[in-house]
Amino acid sequence: MARPTKQLRRARLWLDVSVVGIQFPVAIALGFFFGRWLDAQLGTHPWLTAVFSLFGIAAGFVNLFRITAQAGRAEEEMQKLEAAENDDKPDSE
């Protein structure tokens, strides 16, 4: 029964990492459109669009680094668990 659990952990890890492909452009788009909306409201075109686009890019990179660091820690944890399971198994000889 341990085998499906390992596979589920790996699938969960890959699912978490695959979200980066969506979160990165969404963060940039949100910054851009919020800045554009503020420019329309305040009459400051193109300054707030540029500033909030940069904020969106920064937020996308922060999210990218956070998710990859989290995935790295999860991968190390899985390797430790697998090594501990292998150490606990008796040799078949």
PDB file of N, CA and C in Angstrom:
ATOM      1  N   MET A   1       0.815  -1.201   0.000  1.00  0.00           N
ATOM      2  CA  MET A   1       0.000   0.000   0.000  1.00  0.00           C
ATOM      3  C   MET A   1       0.856   1.262   0.000  1.00  0.00           C
ATOM      4  N   ALA A   2       2.126   1.132   0.317  1.00  0.00           N
ATOM      5  CA  ALA A   2       3.012   2.295   0.341  1.00  0.00           C
ATOM      6  C   ALA A   2       3.277   2.822  -1.068  1.00  0.00           C
ATOM      7  N   ARG A   3       3.200   1.973  -2.044  1.00  0.00           N
ATOM      8  CA  ARG A   3       3.490   2.379  -3.424  1.00  0.00           C
ATOM      9  C   ARG A   3       2.540   3.461  -3.939  1.00  0.00           C
ATOM     10  N   PRO A   4       1.227   3.301  -3.821  1.00  0.00           N
ATOM     11  CA  PRO A   4       0.335   4.376  -4.297  1.00  0.00           C
ATOM     12  C   PRO A   4       0.551   5.692  -3.546  1.00  0.00           C
ATOM     13  N   THR A   5       0.911   5.613  -2.282  1.00  0.00           N
ATOM     14  CA  THR A   5       1.143   6.831  -1.511  1.00  0.00           C
ATOM     15  C   THR A   5       2.328   7.601  -2.082  1.00  0.00           C
ATOM     16  N   LYS A   6       3.386   6.904  -2.444  1.00  0.00           N
ATOM     17  CA  LYS A   6       4.543   7.562  -3.056  1.00  0.00           C
ATOM     18  C   LYS A   6       4.150   8.198  -4.384  1.00  0.00           C
ATOM     19  N   GLN A   7       3.382   7.461  -5.164  1.00  0.00           N
ATOM     20  CA  GLN A   7       2.950   7.989  -6.453  1.00  0.00           C
ATOM     21  C   GLN A   7       2.050   9.208  -6.271  1.00  0.00           C
ATOM     22  N   LEU A   8       1.190   9.182  -5.280  1.00  0.00           N
ATOM     23  CA  LEU A   8       0.327  10.334  -5.014  1.00  0.00           C
ATOM     24  C   LEU A   8       1.136  11.544  -4.559  1.00  0.00           C
ATOM     25  N   ARG A   9       2.153  11.303  -3.746  1.00  0.00           N
ATOM     26  CA  ARG A   9       3.021  12.405  -3.308  1.00  0.00           C
ATOM     27  C   ARG A   9       3.727  13.047  -4.497  1.00  0.00           C
ATOM     28  N   ARG A  10       4.253  12.207  -5.369  1.00  0.00           N
ATOM     29  CA  ARG A  10       4.945  12.728  -6.554  1.00  0.00           C
ATOM     30  C   ARG A  10       3.977  13.486  -7.461  1.00  0.00           C
ATOM     31  N   ALA A  11       2.780  12.945  -7.647  1.00  0.00           N
ATOM     32  CA  ALA A  11       1.788  13.617  -8.477  1.00  0.00           C
ATOM     33  C   ALA A  11       1.399  14.961  -7.871  1.00  0.00           C
ATOM     34  N   ARG A  12       1.248  14.999  -6.560  1.00  0.00           N
ATOM     35  CA  ARG A  12       0.908  16.253  -5.872  1.00  0.00           C
ATOM     36  C   ARG A  12       2.031  17.277  -6.054  1.00  0.00           C
ATOM     37  N   LEU A  13       3.271  16.832  -5.948  1.00  0.00           N
ATOM     38  CA  LEU A  13       4.417  17.721  -6.132  1.00  0.00           C
ATOM     39  C   LEU A  13       4.422  18.301  -7.542  1.00  0.00           C
ATOM     40  N   TRP A  14       4.222  17.465  -8.550  1.00  0.00           N
ATOM     41  CA  TRP A  14       4.212  17.944  -9.927  1.00  0.00           C
ATOM     42  C   TRP A  14       3.040  18.870 -10.192  1.00  0.00           C
ATOM     43  N   LEU A  15       1.912  18.595  -9.566  1.00  0.00           N
ATOM     44  CA  LEU A  15       0.751  19.465  -9.710  1.00  0.00           C
ATOM     45  C   LEU A  15       1.034  20.840  -9.119  1.00  0.00           C
ATOM     46  N   ASP A  16       1.662  20.865  -7.948  1.00  0.00           N
ATOM     47  CA  ASP A  16       2.015  22.143  -7.320  1.00  0.00           C
ATOM     48  C   ASP A  16       2.972  22.952  -8.188  1.00  0.00           C
ATOM     49  N   VAL A  17       3.942  22.283  -8.787  1.00  0.00           N
ATOM     50  CA  VAL A  17       4.925  22.973  -9.620  1.00  0.00           C
ATOM     51  C   VAL A  17       4.301  23.437 -10.935  1.00  0.00           C
ATOM     52  N   SER A  18       3.371  22.671 -11.472  1.00  0.00           N
ATOM     53  CA  SER A  18       2.773  23.040 -12.756  1.00  0.00           C
ATOM     54  C   SER A  18       1.927  24.306 -12.662  1.00  0.00           C
ATOM     55  N   VAL A  19       1.527  24.687 -11.481  1.00  0.00           N
ATOM     56  CA  VAL A  19       0.717  25.888 -11.275  1.00  0.00           C
ATOM     57  C   VAL A  19       1.517  27.146 -11.622  1.00  0.00           C
ATOM     58  N   VAL A  20       2.832  27.067 -11.579  1.00  0.00           N
ATOM     59  CA  VAL A  20       3.676  28.222 -11.877  1.00  0.00           C
ATOM     60  C   VAL A  20       3.398  28.744 -13.279  1.00  0.00           C
ATOM     61  N   GLY A  21       3.147  27.859 -14.211  1.00  0.00           N
ATOM     62  CA  GLY A  21       2.887  28.257 -15.586  1.00  0.00           C
ATOM     63  C   GLY A  21       1.650  29.125 -15.738  1.00  0.00           C
ATOM     64  N   ILE A  22       0.741  29.019 -14.799  1.00  0.00           N
ATOM     65  CA  ILE A  22      -0.464  29.847 -14.827  1.00  0.00           C
ATOM     66  C   ILE A  22      -0.306  31.069 -13.938  1.00  0.00           C
ATOM     67  N   GLN A  23       0.277  30.878 -12.767  1.00  0.00           N
ATOM     68  CA  GLN A  23       0.375  31.969 -11.803  1.00  0.00           C
ATOM     69  C   GLN A  23       1.265  33.111 -12.279  1.00  0.00           C
ATOM     70  N   PHE A  24       2.311  32.787 -12.988  1.00  0.00           N
ATOM     71  CA  PHE A  24       3.240  33.829 -13.438  1.00  0.00           C
ATOM     72  C   PHE A  24       2.561  34.833 -14.375  1.00  0.00           C
ATOM     73  N   PRO A  25       1.950  34.389 -15.470  1.00  0.00           N
ATOM     74  CA  PRO A  25       1.292  35.371 -16.339  1.00  0.00           C
ATOM     75  C   PRO A  25       0.062  36.024 -15.702  1.00  0.00           C
ATOM     76  N   VAL A  26      -0.629  35.318 -14.816  1.00  0.00           N
ATOM     77  CA  VAL A  26      -1.791  35.911 -14.155  1.00  0.00           C
ATOM     78  C   VAL A  26      -1.351  37.067 -13.258  1.00  0.00           C
ATOM     79  N   ALA A  27      -0.250  36.904 -12.529  1.00  0.00           N
ATOM     80  CA  ALA A  27       0.252  37.978 -11.670  1.00  0.00           C
ATOM     81  C   ALA A  27       0.621  39.207 -12.505  1.00  0.00           C
ATOM     82  N   ILE A  28       1.251  38.993 -13.642  1.00  0.00           N
ATOM     83  CA  ILE A  28       1.623  40.110 -14.514  1.00  0.00           C
ATOM     84  C   ILE A  28       0.376  40.780 -15.080  1.00  0.00           C
ATOM     85  N   ALA A  29      -0.589  39.975 -15.525  1.00  0.00           N
ATOM     86  CA  ALA A  29      -1.818  40.546 -16.092  1.00  0.00           C
ATOM     87  C   ALA A  29      -2.596  41.335 -15.049  1.00  0.00           C
ATOM     88  N   LEU A  30      -2.686  40.822 -13.830  1.00  0.00           N
ATOM     89  CA  LEU A  30      -3.394  41.545 -12.775  1.00  0.00           C
ATOM     90  C   LEU A  30      -2.731  42.888 -12.491  1.00  0.00           C
ATOM     91  N   GLY A  31      -1.408  42.893 -12.416  1.00  0.00           N
ATOM     92  CA  GLY A  31      -0.697  44.156 -12.197  1.00  0.00           C
ATOM     93  C   GLY A  31      -0.925  45.134 -13.328  1.00  0.00           C
ATOM     94  N   PHE A  32      -0.853  44.645 -14.546  1.00  0.00           N
ATOM     95  CA  PHE A  32      -1.039  45.504 -15.717  1.00  0.00           C
ATOM     96  C   PHE A  32      -2.435  46.116 -15.741  1.00  0.00           C
ATOM     97  N   PHE A  33      -3.459  45.261 -15.603  1.00  0.00           N
ATOM     98  CA  PHE A  33      -4.825  45.768 -15.710  1.00  0.00           C
ATOM     99  C   PHE A  33      -5.223  46.642 -14.519  1.00  0.00           C
ATOM    100  N   PHE A  34      -4.701  46.341 -13.327  1.00  0.00           N
ATOM    101  CA  PHE A  34      -4.978  47.204 -12.187  1.00  0.00           C
ATOM    102  C   PHE A  34      -4.327  48.576 -12.387  1.00  0.00           C
ATOM    103  N   GLY A  35      -3.090  48.578 -12.869  1.00  0.00           N
ATOM    104  CA  GLY A  35      -2.417  49.846 -13.155  1.00  0.00           C
ATOM    105  C   GLY A  35      -3.116  50.629 -14.250  1.00  0.00           C
ATOM    106  N   ARG A  36      -3.603  49.936 -15.250  1.00  0.00           N
ATOM    107  CA  ARG A  36      -4.338  50.593 -16.336  1.00  0.00           C
ATOM    108  C   ARG A  36      -5.646  51.205 -15.826  1.00  0.00           C
ATOM    109  N   TRP A  37      -6.337  50.464 -14.959  1.00  0.00           N
ATOM    110  CA  TRP A  37      -7.574  50.976 -14.380  1.00  0.00           C
ATOM    111  C   TRP A  37      -7.292  52.209 -13.522  1.00  0.00           C
ATOM    112  N   LEU A  38      -6.230  52.145 -12.712  1.00  0.00           N
ATOM    113  CA  LEU A  38      -5.876  53.304 -11.886  1.00  0.00           C
ATOM    114  C   LEU A  38      -5.488  54.498 -12.749  1.00  0.00           C
ATOM    115  N   ASP A  39      -4.773  54.250 -13.842  1.00  0.00           N
ATOM    116  CA  ASP A  39      -4.434  55.343 -14.762  1.00  0.00           C
ATOM    117  C   ASP A  39      -5.688  56.006 -15.315  1.00  0.00           C
ATOM    118  N   ALA A  40      -6.678  55.218 -15.658  1.00  0.00           N
ATOM    119  CA  ALA A  40      -7.933  55.773 -16.185  1.00  0.00           C
ATOM    120  C   ALA A  40      -8.664  56.584 -15.116  1.00  0.00           C
ATOM    121  N   GLN A  41      -8.611  56.124 -13.874  1.00  0.00           N
ATOM    122  CA  GLN A  41      -9.298  56.813 -12.796  1.00  0.00           C
ATOM    123  C   GLN A  41      -8.589  58.104 -12.391  1.00  0.00           C
ATOM    124  N   LEU A  42      -7.259  58.070 -12.398  1.00  0.00           N
ATOM    125  CA  LEU A  42      -6.479  59.205 -11.898  1.00  0.00           C
ATOM    126  C   LEU A  42      -5.873  60.071 -12.997  1.00  0.00           C
ATOM    127  N   GLY A  43      -5.958  59.632 -14.243  1.00  0.00           N
ATOM    128  CA  GLY A  43      -5.403  60.409 -15.352  1.00  0.00           C
ATOM    129  C   GLY A  43      -3.888  60.467 -15.353  1.00  0.00           C
ATOM    130  N   THR A  44      -3.255  59.401 -14.974  1.00  0.00           N
ATOM    131  CA  THR A  44      -1.786  59.368 -14.885  1.00  0.00           C
ATOM    132  C   THR A  44      -1.158  58.469 -15.949  1.00  0.00           C
ATOM    133  N   HIS A  45      -1.863  58.244 -17.048  1.00  0.00           N
ATOM    134  CA  HIS A  45      -1.392  57.318 -18.089  1.00  0.00           C
ATOM    135  C   HIS A  45       0.025  57.651 -18.508  1.00  0.00           C
ATOM    136  N   PRO A  46       0.924  56.802 -18.627  1.00  0.00           N
ATOM    137  CA  PRO A  46       1.113  55.363 -18.505  1.00  0.00           C
ATOM    138  C   PRO A  46       1.842  54.962 -17.233  1.00  0.00           C
ATOM    139  N   TRP A  47       1.983  55.877 -16.286  1.00  0.00           N
ATOM    140  CA  TRP A  47       2.862  55.642 -15.144  1.00  0.00           C
ATOM    141  C   TRP A  47       2.403  54.499 -14.243  1.00  0.00           C
ATOM    142  N   LEU A  48       1.172  54.500 -13.831  1.00  0.00           N
ATOM    143  CA  LEU A  48       0.714  53.448 -12.926  1.00  0.00           C
ATOM    144  C   LEU A  48       0.629  52.094 -13.625  1.00  0.00           C
ATOM    145  N   THR A  49       0.367  52.108 -14.913  1.00  0.00           N
ATOM    146  CA  THR A  49       0.376  50.848 -15.666  1.00  0.00           C
ATOM    147  C   THR A  49       1.776  50.236 -15.624  1.00  0.00           C
ATOM    148  N   ALA A  50       2.781  51.060 -15.842  1.00  0.00           N
ATOM    149  CA  ALA A  50       4.165  50.570 -15.815  1.00  0.00           C
ATOM    150  C   ALA A  50       4.553  50.101 -14.415  1.00  0.00           C
ATOM    151  N   VAL A  51       4.203  50.887 -13.406  1.00  0.00           N
ATOM    152  CA  VAL A  51       4.580  50.539 -12.028  1.00  0.00           C
ATOM    153  C   VAL A  51       3.919  49.234 -11.603  1.00  0.00           C
ATOM    154  N   PHE A  52       2.623  49.113 -11.835  1.00  0.00           N
ATOM    155  CA  PHE A  52       1.930  47.899 -11.405  1.00  0.00           C
ATOM    156  C   PHE A  52       2.266  46.698 -12.281  1.00  0.00           C
ATOM    157  N   SER A  53       2.656  46.930 -13.517  1.00  0.00           N
ATOM    158  CA  SER A  53       3.161  45.822 -14.340  1.00  0.00           C
ATOM    159  C   SER A  53       4.460  45.288 -13.748  1.00  0.00           C
ATOM    160  N   LEU A  54       5.323  46.184 -13.303  1.00  0.00           N
ATOM    161  CA  LEU A  54       6.564  45.760 -12.645  1.00  0.00           C
ATOM    162  C   LEU A  54       6.272  45.029 -11.337  1.00  0.00           C
ATOM    163  N   PHE A  55       5.272  45.518 -10.586  1.00  0.00           N
ATOM    164  CA  PHE A  55       4.866  44.808  -9.371  1.00  0.00           C
ATOM    165  C   PHE A  55       4.368  43.402  -9.706  1.00  0.00           C
ATOM    166  N   GLY A  56       3.622  43.283 -10.791  1.00  0.00           N
ATOM    167  CA  GLY A  56       3.128  41.972 -11.209  1.00  0.00           C
ATOM    168  C   GLY A  56       4.263  41.038 -11.597  1.00  0.00           C
ATOM    169  N   ILE A  57       5.247  41.574 -12.301  1.00  0.00           N
ATOM    170  CA  ILE A  57       6.416  40.764 -12.671  1.00  0.00           C
ATOM    171  C   ILE A  57       7.165  40.320 -11.421  1.00  0.00           C
ATOM    172  N   ALA A  58       7.361  41.246 -10.487  1.00  0.00           N
ATOM    173  CA  ALA A  58       8.046  40.912  -9.240  1.00  0.00           C
ATOM    174  C   ALA A  58       7.264  39.860  -8.457  1.00  0.00           C
ATOM    175  N   ALA A  59       5.944  40.014  -8.398  1.00  0.00           N
ATOM    176  CA  ALA A  59       5.120  39.039  -7.690  1.00  0.00           C
ATOM    177  C   ALA A  59       5.199  37.666  -8.358  1.00  0.00           C
ATOM    178  N   GLY A  60       5.243  37.646  -9.684  1.00  0.00           N
ATOM    179  CA  GLY A  60       5.377  36.386 -10.405  1.00  0.00           C
ATOM    180  C   GLY A  60       6.690  35.688 -10.083  1.00  0.00           C
ATOM    181  N   PHE A  61       7.786  36.451 -10.043  1.00  0.00           N
ATOM    182  CA  PHE A  61       9.079  35.855  -9.707  1.00  0.00           C
ATOM    183  C   PHE A  61       9.135  35.390  -8.258  1.00  0.00           C
ATOM    184  N   VAL A  62       8.579  36.170  -7.352  1.00  0.00           N
ATOM    185  CA  VAL A  62       8.553  35.756  -5.945  1.00  0.00           C
ATOM    186  C   VAL A  62       7.781  34.449  -5.807  1.00  0.00           C
ATOM    187  N   ASN A  63       6.655  34.370  -6.484  1.00  0.00           N
ATOM    188  CA  ASN A  63       5.853  33.148  -6.456  1.00  0.00           C
ATOM    189  C   ASN A  63       6.618  31.980  -7.069  1.00  0.00           C
ATOM    190  N   LEU A  64       7.316  32.230  -8.166  1.00  0.00           N
ATOM    191  CA  LEU A  64       8.118  31.199  -8.812  1.00  0.00           C
ATOM    192  C   LEU A  64       9.167  30.656  -7.852  1.00  0.00           C
ATOM    193  N   PHE A  65       9.911  31.543  -7.201  1.00  0.00           N
ATOM    194  CA  PHE A  65      10.958  31.105  -6.267  1.00  0.00           C
ATOM    195  C   PHE A  65      10.369  30.397  -5.059  1.00  0.00           C
ATOM    196  N   ARG A  66       9.228  30.873  -4.570  1.00  0.00           N
ATOM    197  CA  ARG A  66       8.595  30.253  -3.406  1.00  0.00           C
ATOM    198  C   ARG A  66       8.141  28.826  -3.735  1.00  0.00           C
ATOM    199  N   ILE A  67       7.519  28.650  -4.886  1.00  0.00           N
ATOM    200  CA  ILE A  67       7.015  27.329  -5.256  1.00  0.00           C
ATOM    201  C   ILE A  67       8.158  26.366  -5.545  1.00  0.00           C
ATOM    202  N   THR A  68       9.195  26.826  -6.225  1.00  0.00           N
ATOM    203  CA  THR A  68      10.313  25.923  -6.512  1.00  0.00           C
ATOM    204  C   THR A  68      11.072  25.547  -5.248  1.00  0.00           C
ATOM    205  N   ALA A  69      11.202  26.473  -4.306  1.00  0.00           N
ATOM    206  CA  ALA A  69      11.853  26.146  -3.037  1.00  0.00           C
ATOM    207  C   ALA A  69      11.015  25.137  -2.256  1.00  0.00           C
ATOM    208  N   GLN A  70       9.717  25.335  -2.249  1.00  0.00           N
ATOM    209  CA  GLN A  70       8.810  24.413  -1.564  1.00  0.00           C
ATOM    210  C   GLN A  70       8.874  23.030  -2.215  1.00  0.00           C
ATOM    211  N   ALA A  71       8.928  22.984  -3.532  1.00  0.00           N
ATOM    212  CA  ALA A  71       9.011  21.710  -4.249  1.00  0.00           C
ATOM    213  C   ALA A  71      10.344  21.019  -3.956  1.00  0.00           C
ATOM    214  N   GLY A  72      11.411  21.790  -3.862  1.00  0.00           N
ATOM    215  CA  GLY A  72      12.712  21.213  -3.527  1.00  0.00           C
ATOM    216  C   GLY A  72      12.719  20.598  -2.137  1.00  0.00           C
ATOM    217  N   ARG A  73      12.110  21.305  -1.179  1.00  0.00           N
ATOM    218  CA  ARG A  73      12.025  20.764   0.180  1.00  0.00           C
ATOM    219  C   ARG A  73      11.168  19.495   0.205  1.00  0.00           C
ATOM    220  N   ALA A  74      10.073  19.488  -0.540  1.00  0.00           N
ATOM    221  CA  ALA A  74       9.206  18.309  -0.581  1.00  0.00           C
ATOM    222  C   ALA A  74       9.929  17.128  -1.222  1.00  0.00           C
ATOM    223  N   GLU A  75      10.706  17.387  -2.259  1.00  0.00           N
ATOM    224  CA  GLU A  75      11.466  16.318  -2.917  1.00  0.00           C
ATOM    225  C   GLU A  75      12.507  15.734  -1.963  1.00  0.00           C
ATOM    226  N   GLU A  76      13.206  16.591  -1.223  1.00  0.00           N
ATOM    227  CA  GLU A  76      14.183  16.111  -0.242  1.00  0.00           C
ATOM    228  C   GLU A  76      13.512  15.275   0.838  1.00  0.00           C
ATOM    229  N   GLU A  77      12.347  15.717   1.281  1.00  0.00           N
ATOM    230  CA  GLU A  77      11.602  14.977   2.299  1.00  0.00           C
ATOM    231  C   GLU A  77      11.188  13.600   1.780  1.00  0.00           C
ATOM    232  N   MET A  78      10.737  13.537   0.526  1.00  0.00           N
ATOM    233  CA  MET A  78      10.363  12.249  -0.063  1.00  0.00           C
ATOM    234  C   MET A  78      11.569  11.324  -0.174  1.00  0.00           C
ATOM    235  N   GLN A  79      12.726  11.888  -0.524  1.00  0.00           N
ATOM    236  CA  GLN A  79      13.931  11.065  -0.627  1.00  0.00           C
ATOM    237  C   GLN A  79      14.341  10.535   0.737  1.00  0.00           C
ATOM    238  N   LYS A  80      14.202  11.354   1.778  1.00  0.00           N
ATOM    239  CA  LYS A  80      14.520  10.903   3.138  1.00  0.00           C
ATOM    240  C   LYS A  80      13.572   9.787   3.568  1.00  0.00           C
ATOM    241  N   LEU A  81      12.291   9.945   3.266  1.00  0.00           N
ATOM    242  CA  LEU A  81      11.324   8.905   3.624  1.00  0.00           C
ATOM    243  C   LEU A  81      11.609   7.610   2.890  1.00  0.00           C
ATOM    244  N   GLU A  82      11.943   7.705   1.611  1.00  0.00           N
ATOM    245  CA  GLU A  82      12.262   6.508   0.839  1.00  0.00           C
ATOM    246  C   GLU A  82      13.517   5.838   1.357  1.00  0.00           C
ATOM    247  N   ALA A  83      14.516   6.631   1.736  1.00  0.00           N
ATOM    248  CA  ALA A  83      15.746   6.065   2.279  1.00  0.00           C
ATOM    249  C   ALA A  83      15.471   5.386   3.623  1.00  0.00           C
ATOM    250  N   ALA A  84      14.627   5.993   4.447  1.00  0.00           N
ATOM    251  CA  ALA A  84      14.289   5.394   5.736  1.00  0.00           C
ATOM    252  C   ALA A  84      13.516   4.092   5.538  1.00  0.00           C
ATOM    253  N   GLU A  85      12.612   4.059   4.553  1.00  0.00           N
ATOM    254  CA  GLU A  85      11.863   2.832   4.268  1.00  0.00           C
ATOM    255  C   GLU A  85      12.793   1.734   3.777  1.00  0.00           C
ATOM    256  N   ASN A  86      13.777   2.093   2.956  1.00  0.00           N
ATOM    257  CA  ASN A  86      14.719   1.110   2.438  1.00  0.00           C
ATOM    258  C   ASN A  86      15.626   0.583   3.541  1.00  0.00           C
ATOM    259  N   ASP A  87      15.962   1.426   4.514  1.00  0.00           N
ATOM    260  CA  ASP A  87      16.796   0.991   5.632  1.00  0.00           C
ATOM    261  C   ASP A  87      16.038   0.062   6.563  1.00  0.00           C
ATOM    262  N   ASP A  88      14.725   0.256   6.663  1.00  0.00           N
ATOM    263  CA  ASP A  88      13.912  -0.569   7.556  1.00  0.00           C
ATOM    264  C   ASP A  88      13.616  -1.946   6.978  1.00  0.00           C
ATOM    265  N   LYS A  89      13.696  -2.098   5.667  1.00  0.00           N
ATOM    266  CA  LYS A  89      13.386  -3.378   5.041  1.00  0.00           C
ATOM    267  C   LYS A  89      14.512  -4.369   5.325  1.00  0.00           C
ATOM    268  N   PRO A  90      14.170  -5.593   5.718  1.00  0.00           N
ATOM    269  CA  PRO A  90      15.212  -6.613   5.928  1.00  0.00           C
ATOM    270  C   PRO A  90      15.742  -7.099   4.582  1.00  0.00           C
ATOM    271  N   ASP A  91      17.003  -7.443   4.569  1.00  0.00           N
ATOM    272  CA  ASP A  91      17.604  -7.975   3.352  1.00  0.00           C
ATOM    273  C   ASP A  91      17.020  -9.340   3.027  1.00  0.00           C
ATOM    274  N   SER A  92      16.820  -9.611   1.776  1.00  0.00           N
ATOM    275  CA  SER A  92      16.203 -10.881   1.374  1.00  0.00           C
ATOM    276  C   SER A  92      17.201 -12.023   1.298  1.00  0.00           C
ATOM    277  N   GLU A  93      18.458 -11.777   1.612  1.00  0.00           N
ATOM    278  CA  GLU A  93      19.461 -12.836   1.544  1.00  0.00           C
ATOM    279  C   GLU A  93      19.516 -13.612   2.799  1.00  0.00           C
TER     280      GLU A  93
END
